[in-house]
Amino acid sequence: ANFSAWLVSFNWSGFGLPAQFWAILMVLVAAAIGVWMLLRRNDFYFTLVIFWGLIGILARQIWYTVPLEIAFLAGLIVATVSLVGASIWQYSYIFRLKKE
């Protein structure tokens, strides 16, 4: 969000690509960073913060079902499911290590 606001302050046009494309890209990048932090750094709480933010975006955007927004929602759902899946996998892995 801060990076987006910074770009808007410079009247950035997005190289002629629609805003929905950039929104999907930023959501997927956030999800990728969350999964990376979880798998490489074992930082479960960092991933929860990203998950919380993505759920907030999803809750806000779910009511707007214009065709262009459907792609955004699909990308958001994929990112959220990826984070949840990676979180569950990592948590179960850590739990198994503690049991041994």
PDB file of N, CA and C in Angstrom:
ATOM      1  N   ALA A   1       0.831  -1.190   0.000  1.00  0.00           N
ATOM      2  CA  ALA A   1       0.000   0.000   0.000  1.00  0.00           C
ATOM      3  C   ALA A   1       0.872   1.249   0.000  1.00  0.00           C
ATOM      4  N   ASN A   2       1.917   1.259   0.789  1.00  0.00           N
ATOM      5  CA  ASN A   2       2.790   2.439   0.836  1.00  0.00           C
ATOM      6  C   ASN A   2       3.504   2.638  -0.495  1.00  0.00           C
ATOM      7  N   PHE A   3       3.950   1.548  -1.091  1.00  0.00           N
ATOM      8  CA  PHE A   3       4.624   1.633  -2.381  1.00  0.00           C
ATOM      9  C   PHE A   3       3.665   2.147  -3.453  1.00  0.00           C
ATOM     10  N   SER A   4       2.433   1.677  -3.423  1.00  0.00           N
ATOM     11  CA  SER A   4       1.417   2.144  -4.380  1.00  0.00           C
ATOM     12  C   SER A   4       1.154   3.637  -4.207  1.00  0.00           C
ATOM     13  N   ALA A   5       1.033   4.078  -2.975  1.00  0.00           N
ATOM     14  CA  ALA A   5       0.804   5.497  -2.706  1.00  0.00           C
ATOM     15  C   ALA A   5       1.982   6.335  -3.192  1.00  0.00           C
ATOM     16  N   TRP A   6       3.178   5.818  -3.028  1.00  0.00           N
ATOM     17  CA  TRP A   6       4.370   6.527  -3.483  1.00  0.00           C
ATOM     18  C   TRP A   6       4.349   6.684  -4.998  1.00  0.00           C
ATOM     19  N   LEU A   7       3.996   5.608  -5.724  1.00  0.00           N
ATOM     20  CA  LEU A   7       3.922   5.674  -7.178  1.00  0.00           C
ATOM     21  C   LEU A   7       2.845   6.653  -7.643  1.00  0.00           C
ATOM     22  N   VAL A   8       1.700   6.655  -6.971  1.00  0.00           N
ATOM     23  CA  VAL A   8       0.614   7.577  -7.325  1.00  0.00           C
ATOM     24  C   VAL A   8       1.049   9.015  -7.118  1.00  0.00           C
ATOM     25  N   SER A   9       1.855   9.288  -6.098  1.00  0.00           N
ATOM     26  CA  SER A   9       2.307  10.653  -5.843  1.00  0.00           C
ATOM     27  C   SER A   9       3.152  11.200  -6.998  1.00  0.00           C
ATOM     28  N   PHE A  10       3.740  10.306  -7.798  1.00  0.00           N
ATOM     29  CA  PHE A  10       4.519  10.717  -8.973  1.00  0.00           C
ATOM     30  C   PHE A  10       3.682  10.676 -10.258  1.00  0.00           C
ATOM     31  N   ASN A  11       2.364  10.468 -10.127  1.00  0.00           N
ATOM     32  CA  ASN A  11       1.465  10.348 -11.281  1.00  0.00           C
ATOM     33  C   ASN A  11       1.921   9.254 -12.245  1.00  0.00           C
ATOM     34  N   TRP A  12       2.353   8.141 -11.686  1.00  0.00           N
ATOM     35  CA  TRP A  12       2.819   7.002 -12.477  1.00  0.00           C
ATOM     36  C   TRP A  12       1.645   6.395 -13.228  1.00  0.00           C
ATOM     37  N   SER A  13       1.822   6.139 -14.504  1.00  0.00           N
ATOM     38  CA  SER A  13       0.720   5.655 -15.334  1.00  0.00           C
ATOM     39  C   SER A  13       0.654   4.135 -15.420  1.00  0.00           C
ATOM     40  N   GLY A  14       1.617   3.430 -14.885  1.00  0.00           N
ATOM     41  CA  GLY A  14       1.592   1.965 -14.915  1.00  0.00           C
ATOM     42  C   GLY A  14       1.944   1.391 -16.264  1.00  0.00           C
ATOM     43  N   PHE A  15       2.722   2.129 -17.051  1.00  0.00           N
ATOM     44  CA  PHE A  15       3.159   1.690 -18.380  1.00  0.00           C
ATOM     45  C   PHE A  15       1.986   1.338 -19.286  1.00  0.00           C
ATOM     46  N   GLY A  16       0.844   1.959 -19.052  1.00  0.00           N
ATOM     47  CA  GLY A  16      -0.322   1.725 -19.887  1.00  0.00           C
ATOM     48  C   GLY A  16      -1.111   0.466 -19.539  1.00  0.00           C
ATOM     49  N   LEU A  17      -0.678  -0.258 -18.543  1.00  0.00           N
ATOM     50  CA  LEU A  17      -1.391  -1.468 -18.116  1.00  0.00           C
ATOM     51  C   LEU A  17      -2.483  -1.099 -17.123  1.00  0.00           C
ATOM     52  N   PRO A  18      -3.591  -1.849 -17.102  1.00  0.00           N
ATOM     53  CA  PRO A  18      -4.694  -1.497 -16.199  1.00  0.00           C
ATOM     54  C   PRO A  18      -4.313  -1.648 -14.726  1.00  0.00           C
ATOM     55  N   ALA A  19      -5.016  -0.905 -13.900  1.00  0.00           N
ATOM     56  CA  ALA A  19      -4.767  -0.928 -12.452  1.00  0.00           C
ATOM     57  C   ALA A  19      -4.983  -2.328 -11.874  1.00  0.00           C
ATOM     58  N   GLN A  20      -5.926  -3.078 -12.434  1.00  0.00           N
ATOM     59  CA  GLN A  20      -6.188  -4.431 -11.935  1.00  0.00           C
ATOM     60  C   GLN A  20      -4.969  -5.326 -12.110  1.00  0.00           C
ATOM     61  N   PHE A  21      -4.255  -5.174 -13.211  1.00  0.00           N
ATOM     62  CA  PHE A  21      -3.036  -5.959 -13.430  1.00  0.00           C
ATOM     63  C   PHE A  21      -2.025  -5.689 -12.327  1.00  0.00           C
ATOM     64  N   TRP A  22      -1.810  -4.413 -12.023  1.00  0.00           N
ATOM     65  CA  TRP A  22      -0.835  -4.051 -10.999  1.00  0.00           C
ATOM     66  C   TRP A  22      -1.291  -4.497  -9.614  1.00  0.00           C
ATOM     67  N   ALA A  23      -2.590  -4.461  -9.369  1.00  0.00           N
ATOM     68  CA  ALA A  23      -3.109  -4.922  -8.075  1.00  0.00           C
ATOM     69  C   ALA A  23      -2.863  -6.411  -7.909  1.00  0.00           C
ATOM     70  N   ILE A  24      -3.146  -7.181  -8.959  1.00  0.00           N
ATOM     71  CA  ILE A  24      -2.912  -8.626  -8.900  1.00  0.00           C
ATOM     72  C   ILE A  24      -1.429  -8.902  -8.704  1.00  0.00           C
ATOM     73  N   LEU A  25      -0.582  -8.193  -9.441  1.00  0.00           N
ATOM     74  CA  LEU A  25       0.857  -8.395  -9.325  1.00  0.00           C
ATOM     75  C   LEU A  25       1.347  -8.113  -7.907  1.00  0.00           C
ATOM     76  N   MET A  26       0.881  -7.025  -7.319  1.00  0.00           N
ATOM     77  CA  MET A  26       1.319  -6.676  -5.958  1.00  0.00           C
ATOM     78  C   MET A  26       0.824  -7.685  -4.925  1.00  0.00           C
ATOM     79  N   VAL A  27      -0.386  -8.189  -5.101  1.00  0.00           N
ATOM     80  CA  VAL A  27      -0.906  -9.210  -4.182  1.00  0.00           C
ATOM     81  C   VAL A  27      -0.084 -10.481  -4.290  1.00  0.00           C
ATOM     82  N   LEU A  28       0.241 -10.894  -5.513  1.00  0.00           N
ATOM     83  CA  LEU A  28       1.041 -12.105  -5.693  1.00  0.00           C
ATOM     84  C   LEU A  28       2.461 -11.931  -5.162  1.00  0.00           C
ATOM     85  N   VAL A  29       3.025 -10.744  -5.331  1.00  0.00           N
ATOM     86  CA  VAL A  29       4.353 -10.480  -4.769  1.00  0.00           C
ATOM     87  C   VAL A  29       4.306 -10.537  -3.243  1.00  0.00           C
ATOM     88  N   ALA A  30       3.260  -9.968  -2.647  1.00  0.00           N
ATOM     89  CA  ALA A  30       3.113 -10.029  -1.185  1.00  0.00           C
ATOM     90  C   ALA A  30       2.997 -11.474  -0.717  1.00  0.00           C
ATOM     91  N   ALA A  31       2.231 -12.275  -1.445  1.00  0.00           N
ATOM     92  CA  ALA A  31       2.088 -13.683  -1.077  1.00  0.00           C
ATOM     93  C   ALA A  31       3.417 -14.420  -1.223  1.00  0.00           C
ATOM     94  N   ALA A  32       4.144 -14.136  -2.285  1.00  0.00           N
ATOM     95  CA  ALA A  32       5.442 -14.784  -2.488  1.00  0.00           C
ATOM     96  C   ALA A  32       6.424 -14.417  -1.378  1.00  0.00           C
ATOM     97  N   ILE A  33       6.428 -13.153  -0.975  1.00  0.00           N
ATOM     98  CA  ILE A  33       7.302 -12.735   0.127  1.00  0.00           C
ATOM     99  C   ILE A  33       6.896 -13.451   1.411  1.00  0.00           C
ATOM    100  N   GLY A  34       5.595 -13.570   1.655  1.00  0.00           N
ATOM    101  CA  GLY A  34       5.122 -14.267   2.847  1.00  0.00           C
ATOM    102  C   GLY A  34       5.514 -15.727   2.861  1.00  0.00           C
ATOM    103  N   VAL A  35       5.355 -16.397   1.723  1.00  0.00           N
ATOM    104  CA  VAL A  35       5.738 -17.812   1.646  1.00  0.00           C
ATOM    105  C   VAL A  35       7.247 -17.959   1.814  1.00  0.00           C
ATOM    106  N   TRP A  36       8.016 -17.063   1.200  1.00  0.00           N
ATOM    107  CA  TRP A  36       9.471 -17.121   1.332  1.00  0.00           C
ATOM    108  C   TRP A  36       9.897 -16.924   2.783  1.00  0.00           C
ATOM    109  N   MET A  37       9.316 -15.928   3.450  1.00  0.00           N
ATOM    110  CA  MET A  37       9.666 -15.684   4.853  1.00  0.00           C
ATOM    111  C   MET A  37       9.299 -16.880   5.722  1.00  0.00           C
ATOM    112  N   LEU A  38       8.213 -17.523   5.397  1.00  0.00           N
ATOM    113  CA  LEU A  38       7.788 -18.680   6.181  1.00  0.00           C
ATOM    114  C   LEU A  38       8.720 -19.859   5.974  1.00  0.00           C
ATOM    115  N   LEU A  39       9.031 -20.159   4.727  1.00  0.00           N
ATOM    116  CA  LEU A  39       9.817 -21.352   4.439  1.00  0.00           C
ATOM    117  C   LEU A  39      11.309 -21.160   4.699  1.00  0.00           C
ATOM    118  N   ARG A  40      11.826 -19.981   4.466  1.00  0.00           N
ATOM    119  CA  ARG A  40      13.261 -19.747   4.644  1.00  0.00           C
ATOM    120  C   ARG A  40      13.626 -19.252   6.035  1.00  0.00           C
ATOM    121  N   ARG A  41      12.758 -18.450   6.612  1.00  0.00           N
ATOM    122  CA  ARG A  41      13.072 -17.829   7.906  1.00  0.00           C
ATOM    123  C   ARG A  41      12.252 -18.402   9.055  1.00  0.00           C
ATOM    124  N   ASN A  42      11.294 -19.267   8.735  1.00  0.00           N
ATOM    125  CA  ASN A  42      10.400 -19.846   9.745  1.00  0.00           C
ATOM    126  C   ASN A  42       9.663 -18.769  10.524  1.00  0.00           C
ATOM    127  N   ASP A  43       9.323 -17.677   9.860  1.00  0.00           N
ATOM    128  CA  ASP A  43       8.652 -16.553  10.514  1.00  0.00           C
ATOM    129  C   ASP A  43       7.145 -16.648  10.273  1.00  0.00           C
ATOM    130  N   PHE A  44       6.493 -17.423  11.109  1.00  0.00           N
ATOM    131  CA  PHE A  44       5.065 -17.675  10.998  1.00  0.00           C
ATOM    132  C   PHE A  44       4.259 -16.399  11.203  1.00  0.00           C
ATOM    133  N   TYR A  45       4.693 -15.537  12.101  1.00  0.00           N
ATOM    134  CA  TYR A  45       3.938 -14.330  12.426  1.00  0.00           C
ATOM    135  C   TYR A  45       3.995 -13.300  11.294  1.00  0.00           C
ATOM    136  N   PHE A  46       5.104 -13.206  10.591  1.00  0.00           N
ATOM    137  CA  PHE A  46       5.195 -12.330   9.432  1.00  0.00           C
ATOM    138  C   PHE A  46       4.164 -12.749   8.389  1.00  0.00           C
ATOM    139  N   THR A  47       4.048 -14.054   8.181  1.00  0.00           N
ATOM    140  CA  THR A  47       3.075 -14.584   7.229  1.00  0.00           C
ATOM    141  C   THR A  47       1.652 -14.294   7.680  1.00  0.00           C
ATOM    142  N   LEU A  48       1.394 -14.365   8.968  1.00  0.00           N
ATOM    143  CA  LEU A  48       0.056 -14.047   9.474  1.00  0.00           C
ATOM    144  C   LEU A  48      -0.317 -12.589   9.204  1.00  0.00           C
ATOM    145  N   VAL A  49       0.645 -11.695   9.305  1.00  0.00           N
ATOM    146  CA  VAL A  49       0.373 -10.284   9.031  1.00  0.00           C
ATOM    147  C   VAL A  49      -0.004 -10.099   7.564  1.00  0.00           C
ATOM    148  N   ILE A  50       0.732 -10.746   6.661  1.00  0.00           N
ATOM    149  CA  ILE A  50       0.397 -10.659   5.237  1.00  0.00           C
ATOM    150  C   ILE A  50      -0.968 -11.290   4.986  1.00  0.00           C
ATOM    151  N   PHE A  51      -1.223 -12.430   5.602  1.00  0.00           N
ATOM    152  CA  PHE A  51      -2.515 -13.098   5.462  1.00  0.00           C
ATOM    153  C   PHE A  51      -3.644 -12.179   5.933  1.00  0.00           C
ATOM    154  N   TRP A  52      -3.450 -11.524   7.051  1.00  0.00           N
ATOM    155  CA  TRP A  52      -4.446 -10.600   7.599  1.00  0.00           C
ATOM    156  C   TRP A  52      -4.705  -9.466   6.604  1.00  0.00           C
ATOM    157  N   GLY A  53      -3.652  -8.916   6.029  1.00  0.00           N
ATOM    158  CA  GLY A  53      -3.814  -7.857   5.041  1.00  0.00           C
ATOM    159  C   GLY A  53      -4.559  -8.334   3.800  1.00  0.00           C
ATOM    160  N   LEU A  54      -4.232  -9.534   3.321  1.00  0.00           N
ATOM    161  CA  LEU A  54      -4.907 -10.063   2.145  1.00  0.00           C
ATOM    162  C   LEU A  54      -6.381 -10.352   2.423  1.00  0.00           C
ATOM    163  N   ILE A  55      -6.683 -10.829   3.612  1.00  0.00           N
ATOM    164  CA  ILE A  55      -8.081 -11.060   3.975  1.00  0.00           C
ATOM    165  C   ILE A  55      -8.830  -9.727   4.023  1.00  0.00           C
ATOM    166  N   GLY A  56      -8.175  -8.681   4.519  1.00  0.00           N
ATOM    167  CA  GLY A  56      -8.793  -7.358   4.534  1.00  0.00           C
ATOM    168  C   GLY A  56      -9.085  -6.856   3.131  1.00  0.00           C
ATOM    169  N   ILE A  57      -8.141  -7.056   2.213  1.00  0.00           N
ATOM    170  CA  ILE A  57      -8.368  -6.664   0.825  1.00  0.00           C
ATOM    171  C   ILE A  57      -9.504  -7.480   0.234  1.00  0.00           C
ATOM    172  N   LEU A  58      -9.509  -8.775   0.492  1.00  0.00           N
ATOM    173  CA  LEU A  58     -10.559  -9.652  -0.028  1.00  0.00           C
ATOM    174  C   LEU A  58     -11.925  -9.237   0.508  1.00  0.00           C
ATOM    175  N   ALA A  59     -12.007  -8.945   1.797  1.00  0.00           N
ATOM    176  CA  ALA A  59     -13.286  -8.552   2.397  1.00  0.00           C
ATOM    177  C   ALA A  59     -13.802  -7.251   1.779  1.00  0.00           C
ATOM    178  N   ARG A  60     -12.897  -6.356   1.452  1.00  0.00           N
ATOM    179  CA  ARG A  60     -13.303  -5.081   0.849  1.00  0.00           C
ATOM    180  C   ARG A  60     -13.712  -5.254  -0.614  1.00  0.00           C
ATOM    181  N   GLN A  61     -13.001  -6.105  -1.341  1.00  0.00           N
ATOM    182  CA  GLN A  61     -13.213  -6.232  -2.779  1.00  0.00           C
ATOM    183  C   GLN A  61     -14.265  -7.266  -3.165  1.00  0.00           C
ATOM    184  N   ILE A  62     -14.669  -8.114  -2.247  1.00  0.00           N
ATOM    185  CA  ILE A  62     -15.583  -9.206  -2.591  1.00  0.00           C
ATOM    186  C   ILE A  62     -16.924  -8.696  -3.102  1.00  0.00           C
ATOM    187  N   TRP A  63     -17.302  -7.489  -2.720  1.00  0.00           N
ATOM    188  CA  TRP A  63     -18.601  -6.945  -3.128  1.00  0.00           C
ATOM    189  C   TRP A  63     -18.566  -6.356  -4.528  1.00  0.00           C
ATOM    190  N   TYR A  64     -17.383  -6.106  -5.058  1.00  0.00           N
ATOM    191  CA  TYR A  64     -17.246  -5.548  -6.395  1.00  0.00           C
ATOM    192  C   TYR A  64     -16.961  -6.689  -7.367  1.00  0.00           C
ATOM    193  N   THR A  65     -17.977  -7.134  -8.072  1.00  0.00           N
ATOM    194  CA  THR A  65     -17.802  -8.286  -8.958  1.00  0.00           C
ATOM    195  C   THR A  65     -17.887  -7.888 -10.429  1.00  0.00           C
ATOM    196  N   VAL A  66     -17.365  -6.738 -10.759  1.00  0.00           N
ATOM    197  CA  VAL A  66     -17.259  -6.322 -12.148  1.00  0.00           C
ATOM    198  C   VAL A  66     -16.281  -7.290 -12.817  1.00  0.00           C
ATOM    199  N   PRO A  67     -16.461  -7.638 -14.096  1.00  0.00           N
ATOM    200  CA  PRO A  67     -15.588  -8.632 -14.732  1.00  0.00           C
ATOM    201  C   PRO A  67     -14.092  -8.399 -14.542  1.00  0.00           C
ATOM    202  N   LEU A  68     -13.625  -7.150 -14.602  1.00  0.00           N
ATOM    203  CA  LEU A  68     -12.200  -6.908 -14.400  1.00  0.00           C
ATOM    204  C   LEU A  68     -11.773  -7.220 -12.971  1.00  0.00           C
ATOM    205  N   GLU A  69     -12.696  -7.067 -12.060  1.00  0.00           N
ATOM    206  CA  GLU A  69     -12.379  -7.323 -10.658  1.00  0.00           C
ATOM    207  C   GLU A  69     -12.319  -8.817 -10.359  1.00  0.00           C
ATOM    208  N   ILE A  70     -12.947  -9.630 -11.174  1.00  0.00           N
ATOM    209  CA  ILE A  70     -12.954 -11.078 -10.938  1.00  0.00           C
ATOM    210  C   ILE A  70     -11.540 -11.629 -11.013  1.00  0.00           C
ATOM    211  N   ALA A  71     -10.738 -11.158 -11.950  1.00  0.00           N
ATOM    212  CA  ALA A  71      -9.343 -11.604 -12.050  1.00  0.00           C
ATOM    213  C   ALA A  71      -8.569 -11.200 -10.800  1.00  0.00           C
ATOM    214  N   PHE A  72      -8.827  -9.998 -10.309  1.00  0.00           N
ATOM    215  CA  PHE A  72      -8.168  -9.548  -9.089  1.00  0.00           C
ATOM    216  C   PHE A  72      -8.540 -10.451  -7.913  1.00  0.00           C
ATOM    217  N   LEU A  73      -9.833 -10.752  -7.779  1.00  0.00           N
ATOM    218  CA  LEU A  73     -10.271 -11.623  -6.689  1.00  0.00           C
ATOM    219  C   LEU A  73      -9.679 -13.017  -6.826  1.00  0.00           C
ATOM    220  N   ALA A  74      -9.594 -13.519  -8.041  1.00  0.00           N
ATOM    221  CA  ALA A  74      -8.992 -14.843  -8.243  1.00  0.00           C
ATOM    222  C   ALA A  74      -7.529 -14.843  -7.811  1.00  0.00           C
ATOM    223  N   GLY A  75      -6.794 -13.807  -8.188  1.00  0.00           N
ATOM    224  CA  GLY A  75      -5.396 -13.698  -7.766  1.00  0.00           C
ATOM    225  C   GLY A  75      -5.261 -13.571  -6.264  1.00  0.00           C
ATOM    226  N   LEU A  76      -6.159 -12.825  -5.663  1.00  0.00           N
ATOM    227  CA  LEU A  76      -6.142 -12.650  -4.215  1.00  0.00           C
ATOM    228  C   LEU A  76      -6.446 -13.964  -3.503  1.00  0.00           C
ATOM    229  N   ILE A  77      -7.404 -14.706  -4.012  1.00  0.00           N
ATOM    230  CA  ILE A  77      -7.746 -15.993  -3.405  1.00  0.00           C
ATOM    231  C   ILE A  77      -6.593 -16.977  -3.549  1.00  0.00           C
ATOM    232  N   VAL A  78      -5.951 -17.012  -4.718  1.00  0.00           N
ATOM    233  CA  VAL A  78      -4.798 -17.897  -4.918  1.00  0.00           C
ATOM    234  C   VAL A  78      -3.680 -17.530  -3.952  1.00  0.00           C
ATOM    235  N   ALA A  79      -3.405 -16.246  -3.798  1.00  0.00           N
ATOM    236  CA  ALA A  79      -2.350 -15.812  -2.884  1.00  0.00           C
ATOM    237  C   ALA A  79      -2.686 -16.184  -1.446  1.00  0.00           C
ATOM    238  N   THR A  80      -3.919 -15.984  -1.048  1.00  0.00           N
ATOM    239  CA  THR A  80      -4.334 -16.296   0.316  1.00  0.00           C
ATOM    240  C   THR A  80      -4.257 -17.799   0.583  1.00  0.00           C
ATOM    241  N   VAL A  81      -4.739 -18.591  -0.356  1.00  0.00           N
ATOM    242  CA  VAL A  81      -4.678 -20.049  -0.192  1.00  0.00           C
ATOM    243  C   VAL A  81      -3.232 -20.515  -0.136  1.00  0.00           C
ATOM    244  N   SER A  82      -2.359 -19.917  -0.944  1.00  0.00           N
ATOM    245  CA  SER A  82      -0.937 -20.274  -0.911  1.00  0.00           C
ATOM    246  C   SER A  82      -0.332 -19.988   0.459  1.00  0.00           C
ATOM    247  N   LEU A  83      -0.651 -18.822   1.007  1.00  0.00           N
ATOM    248  CA  LEU A  83      -0.126 -18.471   2.326  1.00  0.00           C
ATOM    249  C   LEU A  83      -0.659 -19.409   3.407  1.00  0.00           C
ATOM    250  N   VAL A  84      -1.945 -19.713   3.339  1.00  0.00           N
ATOM    251  CA  VAL A  84      -2.529 -20.609   4.342  1.00  0.00           C
ATOM    252  C   VAL A  84      -1.911 -22.003   4.222  1.00  0.00           C
ATOM    253  N   GLY A  85      -1.798 -22.493   2.999  1.00  0.00           N
ATOM    254  CA  GLY A  85      -1.204 -23.821   2.793  1.00  0.00           C
ATOM    255  C   GLY A  85       0.228 -23.888   3.275  1.00  0.00           C
ATOM    256  N   ALA A  86       1.024 -22.890   2.932  1.00  0.00           N
ATOM    257  CA  ALA A  86       2.415 -22.862   3.379  1.00  0.00           C
ATOM    258  C   ALA A  86       2.492 -22.727   4.886  1.00  0.00           C
ATOM    259  N   SER A  87       1.597 -21.955   5.483  1.00  0.00           N
ATOM    260  CA  SER A  87       1.586 -21.786   6.942  1.00  0.00           C
ATOM    261  C   SER A  87       1.256 -23.086   7.643  1.00  0.00           C
ATOM    262  N   ILE A  88       0.255 -23.773   7.148  1.00  0.00           N
ATOM    263  CA  ILE A  88      -0.127 -25.055   7.751  1.00  0.00           C
ATOM    264  C   ILE A  88       1.003 -26.063   7.613  1.00  0.00           C
ATOM    265  N   TRP A  89       1.603 -26.124   6.419  1.00  0.00           N
ATOM    266  CA  TRP A  89       2.708 -27.060   6.206  1.00  0.00           C
ATOM    267  C   TRP A  89       3.871 -26.743   7.136  1.00  0.00           C
ATOM    268  N   GLN A  90       4.237 -25.462   7.238  1.00  0.00           N
ATOM    269  CA  GLN A  90       5.360 -25.070   8.082  1.00  0.00           C
ATOM    270  C   GLN A  90       5.060 -25.318   9.555  1.00  0.00           C
ATOM    271  N   TYR A  91       3.852 -24.989   9.987  1.00  0.00           N
ATOM    272  CA  TYR A  91       3.485 -25.200  11.387  1.00  0.00           C
ATOM    273  C   TYR A  91       3.532 -26.683  11.735  1.00  0.00           C
ATOM    274  N   SER A  92       3.006 -27.527  10.839  1.00  0.00           N
ATOM    275  CA  SER A  92       3.030 -28.967  11.121  1.00  0.00           C
ATOM    276  C   SER A  92       4.459 -29.480  11.115  1.00  0.00           C
ATOM    277  N   TYR A  93       5.316 -28.944  10.273  1.00  0.00           N
ATOM    278  CA  TYR A  93       6.723 -29.350  10.234  1.00  0.00           C
ATOM    279  C   TYR A  93       7.420 -28.978  11.535  1.00  0.00           C
ATOM    280  N   ILE A  94       7.204 -27.754  12.004  1.00  0.00           N
ATOM    281  CA  ILE A  94       7.809 -27.322  13.272  1.00  0.00           C
ATOM    282  C   ILE A  94       7.267 -28.153  14.438  1.00  0.00           C
ATOM    283  N   PHE A  95       5.979 -28.446  14.415  1.00  0.00           N
ATOM    284  CA  PHE A  95       5.366 -29.244  15.480  1.00  0.00           C
ATOM    285  C   PHE A  95       5.977 -30.644  15.504  1.00  0.00           C
ATOM    286  N   ARG A  96       6.210 -31.233  14.335  1.00  0.00           N
ATOM    287  CA  ARG A  96       6.827 -32.566  14.281  1.00  0.00           C
ATOM    288  C   ARG A  96       8.245 -32.539  14.807  1.00  0.00           C
ATOM    289  N   LEU A  97       8.990 -31.473  14.515  1.00  0.00           N
ATOM    290  CA  LEU A  97      10.368 -31.363  15.017  1.00  0.00           C
ATOM    291  C   LEU A  97      10.385 -31.264  16.540  1.00  0.00           C
ATOM    292  N   LYS A  98       9.435 -30.545  17.112  1.00  0.00           N
ATOM    293  CA  LYS A  98       9.392 -30.392  18.560  1.00  0.00           C
ATOM    294  C   LYS A  98       9.014 -31.698  19.241  1.00  0.00           C
ATOM    295  N   LYS A  99       8.228 -32.547  18.566  1.00  0.00           N
ATOM    296  CA  LYS A  99       7.826 -33.814  19.140  1.00  0.00           C
ATOM    297  C   LYS A  99       8.981 -34.794  19.227  1.00  0.00           C
ATOM    298  N   GLU A 100       9.930 -34.685  18.306  1.00  0.00           N
ATOM    299  CA  GLU A 100      11.031 -35.651  18.263  1.00  0.00           C
ATOM    300  C   GLU A 100      12.037 -35.434  19.343  1.00  0.00           C
TER     301      GLU A 100
END
